[in-house]
Amino acid sequence: MIISIVVAIAENHAIGKNNQLLWHMPNDLKHFKEVTSGRSIIMGRKTYESVGKPLPKRRNIIVTRQDIEIPGCEVVKSIDEGIALCKGEDEVFIGGGAEIYRQAMDKTDRIYLTIVHQAFEADTFFPEIDYTQWTETSRENFSADEKNPHPYSFIQLDRR
């Protein structure tokens, strides 16, 4: 099974502020949907709460230390427990937030990385990427347009 992180980061690795995304980029949301639809996605409780509902057409697995039930989702105590639920699947996605990404980095085989080419003020950051451990296998660069206010790139990194 391939364990993949899917994340959008700013140039300064910012990913959020006040439990919200820092930008509205419809093309990135479309890309996220295309990459993850029909798959399992593991995310932390705070990330789930920022989304507000289960992501459609995906198996939603929520990591939390709290003893709670979330309708439409499977709740686990750890990333490893979430990954174990996905045994037999060809690829599973880690969808954040920052602490979940940190815990998953050493287990991850692939990163679907959107870089928004601007720095943002934030309180939540993606961990530093040691590029010596990764090979860039694809990249698409885009200019800002009327719907996507910042230039951005879709990059796929595969572990060496």
N, C-alpha and C. Protein backbone atom coordinates (compact mmCIF):
# COMPACT_ATOMS: atom_id res chain seq x y z
N MET A 1 0.84 -1.18 0.00
CA MET A 1 0.00 0.00 0.00
C MET A 1 0.88 1.24 0.00
N ILE A 2 0.53 2.19 -0.83
CA ILE A 2 1.22 3.48 -0.87
C ILE A 2 0.55 4.41 0.13
N ILE A 3 1.34 5.00 1.00
CA ILE A 3 0.84 6.00 1.94
C ILE A 3 1.23 7.36 1.39
N SER A 4 0.23 8.19 1.12
CA SER A 4 0.45 9.48 0.47
C SER A 4 -0.08 10.62 1.32
N ILE A 5 0.72 11.66 1.40
CA ILE A 5 0.27 12.92 1.98
C ILE A 5 -0.27 13.77 0.85
N VAL A 6 -1.38 14.45 1.10
CA VAL A 6 -1.90 15.44 0.16
C VAL A 6 -2.00 16.75 0.94
N VAL A 7 -1.33 17.80 0.42
CA VAL A 7 -1.23 19.04 1.18
C VAL A 7 -1.02 20.22 0.24
N ALA A 8 -1.55 21.37 0.65
CA ALA A 8 -1.27 22.64 -0.02
C ALA A 8 -0.54 23.52 0.98
N ILE A 9 0.62 24.02 0.57
CA ILE A 9 1.44 24.85 1.46
C ILE A 9 1.80 26.16 0.77
N ALA A 10 2.07 27.17 1.58
CA ALA A 10 2.61 28.42 1.07
C ALA A 10 4.13 28.28 0.98
N GLU A 11 4.78 29.28 0.39
CA GLU A 11 6.24 29.23 0.28
C GLU A 11 6.93 29.12 1.63
N ASN A 12 6.30 29.66 2.69
CA ASN A 12 6.86 29.57 4.03
C ASN A 12 6.33 28.36 4.80
N HIS A 13 5.79 27.37 4.07
CA HIS A 13 5.25 26.12 4.63
C HIS A 13 3.96 26.32 5.43
N ALA A 14 3.39 27.52 5.39
CA ALA A 14 2.14 27.79 6.09
C ALA A 14 1.02 26.94 5.49
N ILE A 15 0.16 26.40 6.38
CA ILE A 15 -1.00 25.63 5.90
C ILE A 15 -2.31 26.12 6.50
N GLY A 16 -2.26 26.94 7.56
CA GLY A 16 -3.51 27.37 8.15
C GLY A 16 -3.35 28.44 9.20
N LYS A 17 -4.48 29.05 9.52
CA LYS A 17 -4.53 30.03 10.60
C LYS A 17 -5.93 29.96 11.20
N ASN A 18 -5.99 29.89 12.52
CA ASN A 18 -7.27 29.79 13.22
C ASN A 18 -8.12 28.64 12.70
N ASN A 19 -7.48 27.52 12.43
CA ASN A 19 -8.13 26.29 11.95
C ASN A 19 -8.86 26.49 10.62
N GLN A 20 -8.34 27.38 9.79
CA GLN A 20 -8.90 27.63 8.46
C GLN A 20 -7.78 27.64 7.43
N LEU A 21 -8.13 27.34 6.17
CA LEU A 21 -7.17 27.47 5.08
C LEU A 21 -6.84 28.94 4.88
N LEU A 22 -5.71 29.21 4.27
CA LEU A 22 -5.22 30.58 4.10
C LEU A 22 -5.65 31.21 2.79
N TRP A 23 -6.21 30.43 1.88
CA TRP A 23 -6.56 30.93 0.55
C TRP A 23 -7.75 30.15 0.02
N HIS A 24 -8.38 30.71 -0.99
CA HIS A 24 -9.43 29.99 -1.72
C HIS A 24 -8.92 29.81 -3.14
N MET A 25 -8.58 28.57 -3.48
CA MET A 25 -8.01 28.24 -4.78
C MET A 25 -8.84 27.10 -5.38
N PRO A 26 -9.87 27.42 -6.18
CA PRO A 26 -10.74 26.37 -6.72
C PRO A 26 -10.00 25.27 -7.47
N ASN A 27 -8.94 25.60 -8.19
CA ASN A 27 -8.21 24.56 -8.92
C ASN A 27 -7.52 23.59 -7.98
N ASP A 28 -7.05 24.08 -6.83
CA ASP A 28 -6.44 23.18 -5.86
C ASP A 28 -7.50 22.27 -5.24
N LEU A 29 -8.67 22.81 -4.93
CA LEU A 29 -9.75 21.98 -4.39
C LEU A 29 -10.16 20.90 -5.39
N LYS A 30 -10.21 21.27 -6.67
CA LYS A 30 -10.53 20.29 -7.72
C LYS A 30 -9.45 19.21 -7.79
N HIS A 31 -8.19 19.63 -7.73
CA HIS A 31 -7.07 18.69 -7.76
C HIS A 31 -7.14 17.73 -6.56
N PHE A 32 -7.40 18.27 -5.38
CA PHE A 32 -7.54 17.45 -4.17
C PHE A 32 -8.64 16.41 -4.36
N LYS A 33 -9.76 16.84 -4.89
CA LYS A 33 -10.89 15.93 -5.10
C LYS A 33 -10.52 14.83 -6.10
N GLU A 34 -9.87 15.21 -7.21
CA GLU A 34 -9.47 14.22 -8.22
C GLU A 34 -8.50 13.19 -7.66
N VAL A 35 -7.56 13.65 -6.85
CA VAL A 35 -6.53 12.76 -6.30
C VAL A 35 -7.11 11.81 -5.26
N THR A 36 -8.04 12.30 -4.43
CA THR A 36 -8.48 11.52 -3.27
C THR A 36 -9.83 10.81 -3.44
N SER A 37 -10.62 11.17 -4.43
CA SER A 37 -11.96 10.56 -4.58
C SER A 37 -11.86 9.05 -4.73
N GLY A 38 -12.77 8.35 -4.07
CA GLY A 38 -12.80 6.90 -4.12
C GLY A 38 -11.77 6.23 -3.23
N ARG A 39 -11.07 7.00 -2.43
CA ARG A 39 -9.99 6.47 -1.58
C ARG A 39 -10.29 6.75 -0.11
N SER A 40 -9.46 6.19 0.74
CA SER A 40 -9.52 6.49 2.17
C SER A 40 -8.65 7.70 2.45
N ILE A 41 -9.15 8.58 3.32
CA ILE A 41 -8.35 9.73 3.74
C ILE A 41 -8.36 9.78 5.27
N ILE A 42 -7.16 9.89 5.82
CA ILE A 42 -6.97 9.94 7.27
C ILE A 42 -6.65 11.39 7.63
N MET A 43 -7.41 11.93 8.58
CA MET A 43 -7.16 13.32 9.01
C MET A 43 -7.39 13.43 10.50
N GLY A 44 -6.83 14.47 11.08
CA GLY A 44 -7.03 14.74 12.49
C GLY A 44 -8.41 15.34 12.74
N ARG A 45 -8.82 15.30 14.00
CA ARG A 45 -10.14 15.82 14.37
C ARG A 45 -10.28 17.31 14.06
N LYS A 46 -9.25 18.10 14.34
CA LYS A 46 -9.35 19.54 14.08
C LYS A 46 -9.51 19.82 12.60
N THR A 47 -8.80 19.08 11.77
CA THR A 47 -8.96 19.24 10.32
C THR A 47 -10.37 18.86 9.91
N TYR A 48 -10.85 17.75 10.44
CA TYR A 48 -12.23 17.35 10.14
C TYR A 48 -13.21 18.46 10.55
N GLU A 49 -13.03 19.02 11.74
CA GLU A 49 -13.93 20.08 12.20
C GLU A 49 -13.86 21.31 11.31
N SER A 50 -12.68 21.62 10.75
CA SER A 50 -12.58 22.77 9.86
C SER A 50 -13.33 22.52 8.55
N VAL A 51 -13.39 21.26 8.12
CA VAL A 51 -14.15 20.89 6.92
C VAL A 51 -15.64 20.88 7.24
N GLY A 52 -15.99 20.36 8.42
CA GLY A 52 -17.35 20.42 8.90
C GLY A 52 -18.25 19.24 8.58
N LYS A 53 -17.80 18.36 7.71
CA LYS A 53 -18.61 17.19 7.34
C LYS A 53 -17.71 16.17 6.67
N PRO A 54 -18.16 14.91 6.58
CA PRO A 54 -17.34 13.93 5.87
C PRO A 54 -17.13 14.34 4.41
N LEU A 55 -15.94 14.12 3.89
CA LEU A 55 -15.67 14.40 2.49
C LEU A 55 -16.41 13.38 1.64
N PRO A 56 -17.19 13.83 0.67
CA PRO A 56 -17.97 12.88 -0.14
C PRO A 56 -17.09 12.00 -1.01
N LYS A 57 -17.58 10.81 -1.30
CA LYS A 57 -16.93 9.85 -2.19
C LYS A 57 -15.55 9.43 -1.68
N ARG A 58 -15.38 9.47 -0.35
CA ARG A 58 -14.14 9.03 0.28
C ARG A 58 -14.47 8.34 1.60
N ARG A 59 -13.63 7.43 1.98
CA ARG A 59 -13.72 6.83 3.31
C ARG A 59 -12.99 7.78 4.26
N ASN A 60 -13.71 8.37 5.20
CA ASN A 60 -13.15 9.35 6.12
C ASN A 60 -12.76 8.68 7.43
N ILE A 61 -11.47 8.74 7.75
CA ILE A 61 -10.94 8.16 8.98
C ILE A 61 -10.37 9.31 9.81
N ILE A 62 -10.90 9.50 11.01
CA ILE A 62 -10.53 10.63 11.85
C ILE A 62 -9.70 10.14 13.02
N VAL A 63 -8.53 10.78 13.22
CA VAL A 63 -7.63 10.45 14.33
C VAL A 63 -7.90 11.43 15.47
N THR A 64 -8.20 10.88 16.64
CA THR A 64 -8.41 11.72 17.82
C THR A 64 -8.15 10.90 19.08
N ARG A 65 -7.71 11.59 20.12
CA ARG A 65 -7.56 10.93 21.42
C ARG A 65 -8.90 10.89 22.16
N GLN A 66 -9.86 11.68 21.68
CA GLN A 66 -11.17 11.74 22.33
C GLN A 66 -11.99 10.49 22.03
N ASP A 67 -12.81 10.11 22.98
CA ASP A 67 -13.69 8.96 22.81
C ASP A 67 -15.03 9.47 22.25
N ILE A 68 -15.07 9.65 20.93
CA ILE A 68 -16.25 10.23 20.28
C ILE A 68 -16.64 9.41 19.07
N GLU A 69 -17.87 9.60 18.64
CA GLU A 69 -18.33 9.04 17.37
C GLU A 69 -18.62 10.21 16.45
N ILE A 70 -18.29 10.04 15.17
CA ILE A 70 -18.55 11.07 14.17
C ILE A 70 -19.34 10.41 13.06
N PRO A 71 -20.60 10.79 12.87
CA PRO A 71 -21.42 10.16 11.84
C PRO A 71 -20.76 10.25 10.46
N GLY A 72 -20.76 9.12 9.75
CA GLY A 72 -20.19 9.08 8.41
C GLY A 72 -18.69 8.91 8.38
N CYS A 73 -18.08 8.75 9.56
CA CYS A 73 -16.62 8.61 9.65
C CYS A 73 -16.27 7.43 10.55
N GLU A 74 -15.04 6.96 10.39
CA GLU A 74 -14.48 5.98 11.31
C GLU A 74 -13.48 6.72 12.19
N VAL A 75 -13.55 6.48 13.49
CA VAL A 75 -12.70 7.19 14.44
C VAL A 75 -11.65 6.23 14.99
N VAL A 76 -10.39 6.68 14.96
CA VAL A 76 -9.27 5.87 15.45
C VAL A 76 -8.42 6.71 16.40
N LYS A 77 -7.57 6.03 17.16
CA LYS A 77 -6.72 6.72 18.15
C LYS A 77 -5.35 7.09 17.60
N SER A 78 -4.95 6.52 16.44
CA SER A 78 -3.61 6.79 15.91
C SER A 78 -3.60 6.66 14.39
N ILE A 79 -2.59 7.25 13.78
CA ILE A 79 -2.40 7.10 12.34
C ILE A 79 -2.21 5.62 11.99
N ASP A 80 -1.41 4.92 12.79
CA ASP A 80 -1.17 3.50 12.51
C ASP A 80 -2.47 2.70 12.52
N GLU A 81 -3.36 3.01 13.44
CA GLU A 81 -4.65 2.33 13.49
C GLU A 81 -5.46 2.66 12.23
N GLY A 82 -5.40 3.90 11.79
CA GLY A 82 -6.10 4.29 10.56
C GLY A 82 -5.54 3.57 9.35
N ILE A 83 -4.23 3.49 9.26
CA ILE A 83 -3.58 2.79 8.14
C ILE A 83 -3.96 1.32 8.16
N ALA A 84 -4.00 0.72 9.35
CA ALA A 84 -4.37 -0.70 9.46
C ALA A 84 -5.78 -0.95 8.94
N LEU A 85 -6.69 0.00 9.14
CA LEU A 85 -8.06 -0.14 8.61
C LEU A 85 -8.06 -0.23 7.08
N CYS A 86 -7.03 0.31 6.46
CA CYS A 86 -6.97 0.41 4.99
C CYS A 86 -6.20 -0.74 4.36
N LYS A 87 -5.88 -1.75 5.14
CA LYS A 87 -5.13 -2.90 4.63
C LYS A 87 -5.81 -3.43 3.37
N GLY A 88 -5.01 -3.68 2.34
CA GLY A 88 -5.54 -4.20 1.08
C GLY A 88 -5.84 -3.12 0.05
N GLU A 89 -5.86 -1.86 0.46
CA GLU A 89 -6.06 -0.77 -0.49
C GLU A 89 -4.74 -0.45 -1.17
N ASP A 90 -4.79 0.07 -2.40
CA ASP A 90 -3.54 0.36 -3.10
C ASP A 90 -2.90 1.68 -2.66
N GLU A 91 -3.72 2.64 -2.21
CA GLU A 91 -3.18 3.92 -1.77
C GLU A 91 -4.12 4.51 -0.74
N VAL A 92 -3.55 5.08 0.31
CA VAL A 92 -4.31 5.76 1.36
C VAL A 92 -3.72 7.16 1.52
N PHE A 93 -4.58 8.13 1.84
CA PHE A 93 -4.16 9.52 1.91
C PHE A 93 -4.17 10.05 3.33
N ILE A 94 -3.16 10.85 3.65
CA ILE A 94 -3.08 11.58 4.90
C ILE A 94 -3.43 13.02 4.57
N GLY A 95 -4.48 13.56 5.21
CA GLY A 95 -4.99 14.87 4.85
C GLY A 95 -4.82 15.94 5.90
N GLY A 96 -3.95 15.74 6.87
CA GLY A 96 -3.65 16.80 7.82
C GLY A 96 -4.36 16.63 9.14
N GLY A 97 -4.18 17.57 10.01
CA GLY A 97 -3.41 18.79 9.94
C GLY A 97 -1.95 18.61 10.29
N ALA A 98 -1.37 19.68 10.83
CA ALA A 98 0.08 19.75 11.00
C ALA A 98 0.63 18.59 11.84
N GLU A 99 0.00 18.29 12.96
CA GLU A 99 0.51 17.21 13.82
C GLU A 99 0.38 15.86 13.14
N ILE A 100 -0.70 15.63 12.44
CA ILE A 100 -0.90 14.38 11.70
C ILE A 100 0.16 14.26 10.60
N TYR A 101 0.42 15.35 9.88
CA TYR A 101 1.48 15.33 8.86
C TYR A 101 2.82 14.98 9.49
N ARG A 102 3.14 15.62 10.64
CA ARG A 102 4.42 15.34 11.31
C ARG A 102 4.54 13.86 11.66
N GLN A 103 3.47 13.30 12.20
CA GLN A 103 3.50 11.89 12.60
C GLN A 103 3.60 10.97 11.39
N ALA A 104 3.09 11.39 10.26
CA ALA A 104 3.03 10.53 9.07
C ALA A 104 4.26 10.62 8.17
N MET A 105 5.07 11.66 8.30
CA MET A 105 6.16 11.89 7.33
C MET A 105 7.07 10.68 7.15
N ASP A 106 7.47 10.04 8.23
CA ASP A 106 8.40 8.91 8.11
C ASP A 106 7.75 7.67 7.50
N LYS A 107 6.43 7.61 7.50
CA LYS A 107 5.70 6.47 6.95
C LYS A 107 5.31 6.69 5.49
N THR A 108 5.47 7.93 5.01
CA THR A 108 4.91 8.35 3.73
C THR A 108 5.79 7.94 2.55
N ASP A 109 5.13 7.44 1.50
CA ASP A 109 5.81 7.05 0.26
C ASP A 109 5.72 8.12 -0.82
N ARG A 110 4.68 8.96 -0.74
CA ARG A 110 4.42 9.94 -1.80
C ARG A 110 3.81 11.19 -1.18
N ILE A 111 4.13 12.34 -1.77
CA ILE A 111 3.52 13.60 -1.36
C ILE A 111 2.92 14.26 -2.60
N TYR A 112 1.63 14.52 -2.54
CA TYR A 112 0.95 15.34 -3.55
C TYR A 112 0.96 16.75 -2.97
N LEU A 113 1.84 17.58 -3.50
CA LEU A 113 2.15 18.87 -2.91
C LEU A 113 1.67 20.00 -3.82
N THR A 114 0.82 20.84 -3.29
CA THR A 114 0.50 22.10 -3.96
C THR A 114 1.29 23.18 -3.25
N ILE A 115 2.08 23.93 -4.01
CA ILE A 115 2.77 25.09 -3.44
C ILE A 115 2.09 26.34 -3.97
N VAL A 116 1.59 27.16 -3.06
CA VAL A 116 1.06 28.47 -3.41
C VAL A 116 2.23 29.43 -3.30
N HIS A 117 2.59 30.06 -4.40
CA HIS A 117 3.83 30.84 -4.47
C HIS A 117 3.67 32.22 -3.85
N GLN A 118 3.49 32.19 -2.54
CA GLN A 118 3.40 33.40 -1.74
C GLN A 118 3.58 32.98 -0.29
N ALA A 119 4.09 33.87 0.54
CA ALA A 119 4.17 33.60 1.98
C ALA A 119 2.92 34.16 2.64
N PHE A 120 2.45 33.48 3.68
CA PHE A 120 1.26 33.90 4.39
C PHE A 120 1.54 33.92 5.88
N GLU A 121 0.85 34.82 6.59
CA GLU A 121 0.87 34.80 8.04
C GLU A 121 0.02 33.62 8.48
N ALA A 122 0.56 32.81 9.39
CA ALA A 122 -0.14 31.59 9.77
C ALA A 122 0.24 31.18 11.18
N ASP A 123 -0.54 30.23 11.72
CA ASP A 123 -0.18 29.64 13.01
C ASP A 123 0.03 28.13 12.89
N THR A 124 -0.11 27.61 11.67
CA THR A 124 0.04 26.17 11.44
C THR A 124 0.90 25.96 10.20
N PHE A 125 1.90 25.08 10.33
CA PHE A 125 2.87 24.90 9.25
C PHE A 125 3.09 23.43 8.95
N PHE A 126 3.39 23.14 7.68
CA PHE A 126 3.76 21.80 7.26
C PHE A 126 5.22 21.59 7.64
N PRO A 127 5.60 20.37 8.06
CA PRO A 127 7.00 20.12 8.41
C PRO A 127 7.94 20.36 7.23
N GLU A 128 9.18 20.69 7.55
CA GLU A 128 10.19 20.85 6.50
C GLU A 128 10.34 19.54 5.73
N ILE A 129 10.54 19.65 4.44
CA ILE A 129 10.72 18.48 3.58
C ILE A 129 12.21 18.33 3.30
N ASP A 130 12.77 17.18 3.61
CA ASP A 130 14.16 16.88 3.28
C ASP A 130 14.19 16.37 1.84
N TYR A 131 14.46 17.27 0.91
CA TYR A 131 14.35 16.93 -0.52
C TYR A 131 15.38 15.88 -0.95
N THR A 132 16.39 15.60 -0.12
CA THR A 132 17.33 14.53 -0.48
C THR A 132 16.67 13.16 -0.39
N GLN A 133 15.53 13.08 0.30
CA GLN A 133 14.81 11.81 0.44
C GLN A 133 13.72 11.62 -0.62
N TRP A 134 13.54 12.61 -1.49
CA TRP A 134 12.41 12.61 -2.40
C TRP A 134 12.85 12.89 -3.83
N THR A 135 12.12 12.31 -4.78
CA THR A 135 12.32 12.58 -6.20
C THR A 135 11.06 13.25 -6.73
N GLU A 136 11.23 14.37 -7.39
CA GLU A 136 10.09 15.04 -8.01
C GLU A 136 9.73 14.29 -9.29
N THR A 137 8.54 13.69 -9.32
CA THR A 137 8.14 12.87 -10.46
C THR A 137 7.18 13.59 -11.40
N SER A 138 6.58 14.68 -10.94
CA SER A 138 5.77 15.50 -11.84
C SER A 138 5.61 16.90 -11.26
N ARG A 139 5.40 17.86 -12.16
CA ARG A 139 5.19 19.26 -11.76
C ARG A 139 4.38 19.96 -12.84
N GLU A 140 3.36 20.67 -12.40
CA GLU A 140 2.59 21.56 -13.28
C GLU A 140 2.58 22.93 -12.61
N ASN A 141 2.98 23.97 -13.36
CA ASN A 141 3.00 25.33 -12.83
C ASN A 141 1.85 26.13 -13.43
N PHE A 142 1.23 26.97 -12.60
CA PHE A 142 0.08 27.76 -13.03
C PHE A 142 0.24 29.20 -12.59
N SER A 143 -0.21 30.12 -13.43
CA SER A 143 -0.25 31.53 -13.08
C SER A 143 -1.55 31.83 -12.34
N ALA A 144 -1.56 32.95 -11.63
CA ALA A 144 -2.80 33.40 -11.01
C ALA A 144 -3.81 33.72 -12.11
N ASP A 145 -5.08 33.59 -11.80
CA ASP A 145 -6.14 33.97 -12.74
C ASP A 145 -7.31 34.54 -11.95
N GLU A 146 -8.42 34.79 -12.62
CA GLU A 146 -9.54 35.45 -11.94
C GLU A 146 -10.13 34.60 -10.80
N LYS A 147 -10.00 33.29 -10.87
CA LYS A 147 -10.56 32.43 -9.82
C LYS A 147 -9.51 31.97 -8.81
N ASN A 148 -8.26 31.89 -9.22
CA ASN A 148 -7.17 31.43 -8.38
C ASN A 148 -6.18 32.58 -8.22
N PRO A 149 -6.26 33.31 -7.09
CA PRO A 149 -5.57 34.59 -6.97
C PRO A 149 -4.06 34.54 -6.80
N HIS A 150 -3.48 33.35 -6.69
CA HIS A 150 -2.03 33.24 -6.49
C HIS A 150 -1.45 32.25 -7.48
N PRO A 151 -0.22 32.47 -7.95
CA PRO A 151 0.44 31.43 -8.75
C PRO A 151 0.68 30.20 -7.88
N TYR A 152 0.66 29.02 -8.50
CA TYR A 152 0.78 27.78 -7.72
C TYR A 152 1.34 26.68 -8.60
N SER A 153 1.78 25.61 -7.94
CA SER A 153 2.31 24.43 -8.63
C SER A 153 1.74 23.18 -7.99
N PHE A 154 1.43 22.19 -8.83
CA PHE A 154 1.10 20.85 -8.37
C PHE A 154 2.35 20.00 -8.58
N ILE A 155 2.85 19.39 -7.50
CA ILE A 155 4.08 18.62 -7.55
C ILE A 155 3.82 17.25 -6.93
N GLN A 156 4.37 16.23 -7.54
CA GLN A 156 4.34 14.90 -6.92
C GLN A 156 5.76 14.52 -6.55
N LEU A 157 5.94 14.14 -5.28
CA LEU A 157 7.23 13.69 -4.78
C LEU A 157 7.10 12.23 -4.38
N ASP A 158 8.04 11.40 -4.83
CA ASP A 158 8.07 9.99 -4.44
C ASP A 158 9.35 9.74 -3.65
N ARG A 159 9.21 8.97 -2.57
CA ARG A 159 10.37 8.69 -1.72
C ARG A 159 11.41 7.90 -2.50
N ARG A 160 12.67 8.28 -2.34
CA ARG A 160 13.78 7.59 -3.02
C ARG A 160 14.03 6.24 -2.41
